[in-house]
Amino acid sequence: MKLQQLRYIWEVAHHDLNVSATAQSLYTSQPGISKQIRLLEDELGIEVFARSGKHLTRITPAGQVVINLAGEMLRTAENIKRVAQEFSNERRGSLVLATTHTQARYILPAVISQFMAKYPDVTLSLKQGTPPQIAQMVADGEADLAIATESIASTNDLVTFPCYQWNRCVLVPKDHPLAQQKKLTLEVLAEYPLVTYISGFTGRAKVDEAFAAAGLEPKIVFTAADSDVIKTYVRLGVGVGIVAHMAADLRDDDLVVLDASHLFEPSITRLGIRRGTFMRGYLYHFIEKLAAHLDRDTVDQALAAATRQEVEQMFEGLELPNR
């Protein structure tokens, strides 16, 4: 049994059983992957994948157990590499962040700039996706740190920490009737077509909950995952924008920004790390730059906690920074 064979079955399973796509992602040949999978199955005496002709059709029950164990072994191998890298050169390596557009565009640039100045030999990559995709990328070892608002706290394979809280603002063109509004109400907003985030992104649930609690049905006519896309359609007159306050850029001088923090409950952005991950020193540094209350000792204590409830208790009563 070879580590390469375990990687092949893991990757095939995570490429929807498409061996060709797997080969392309691993820069190898399709026949080579198929041969190594067969050799592994012969050695184990089971089929990892069921087949119809030359095509893989499903993962067998035994195969699923093997693939899960293969994932654990691959992650352990990656941790061994990280330990070696930390002791051979603690300032060299790679850091992969998984996050949403809003975090990547409005929160991370300043932190990343400071980090890269301190760690010029660390290669930094940023992957974007939906909150569930972000959590899965970290759980699968494809990224080191998840940064998102929804979903990641409920992912069992991750330890998550509260990073900061944020609220929303309303955006309208300068000639819009609401541009001169002193204090917004949900009743007033419900009279206009609205443009905001799609469900599952950037605290959208808090918006829906606020209208529902007030017995109102908002006229949401357009949704997007990207704050800049929402702004574009506000400019076109499609509707009134509801976005994260951090997305209200001073360069958007053609739009009027109206405070909406009194209308919606604040959302909390969380950081997520896969359980059992060996933490490089520069990852601790990045986290503390992003959230000063998450120093190395605090992160280690949270990672050592036995349950999610223990982690939550650590941060009870903590006043999170506002962004």
Foldseek 3Di string as FASTA:
>chain_A
DDLVLLVLLLQCVVVVVDLCVSCVVVVHDSVVNVVSQVVVCVVVVHHQFDDDVPGTDGGDPVNVVSNVVSLVVVLVVVQVVLVVCCVVPLLAEEAEEEEAQLCVPQQCPVLVVVLCVVRVRYHYHYHYDFLVVQLVCQLSVVGFKYKFFDDNLPDPQKQKAWFFKFAKKKKAFCPDPCLPPPADEPVVQQVKAEEEADPRADPVVQVVVLCVVVVGDHRHDYHHRHPVVSVVVNVVVVIMYMHIPSSPDPVVVRMHIGDCPVRTPITTIMMIGGAPHDDRPSVQVSSCSSHVVSHPVLVVVSSPDPDNVVNVVVCPPPHGHYD
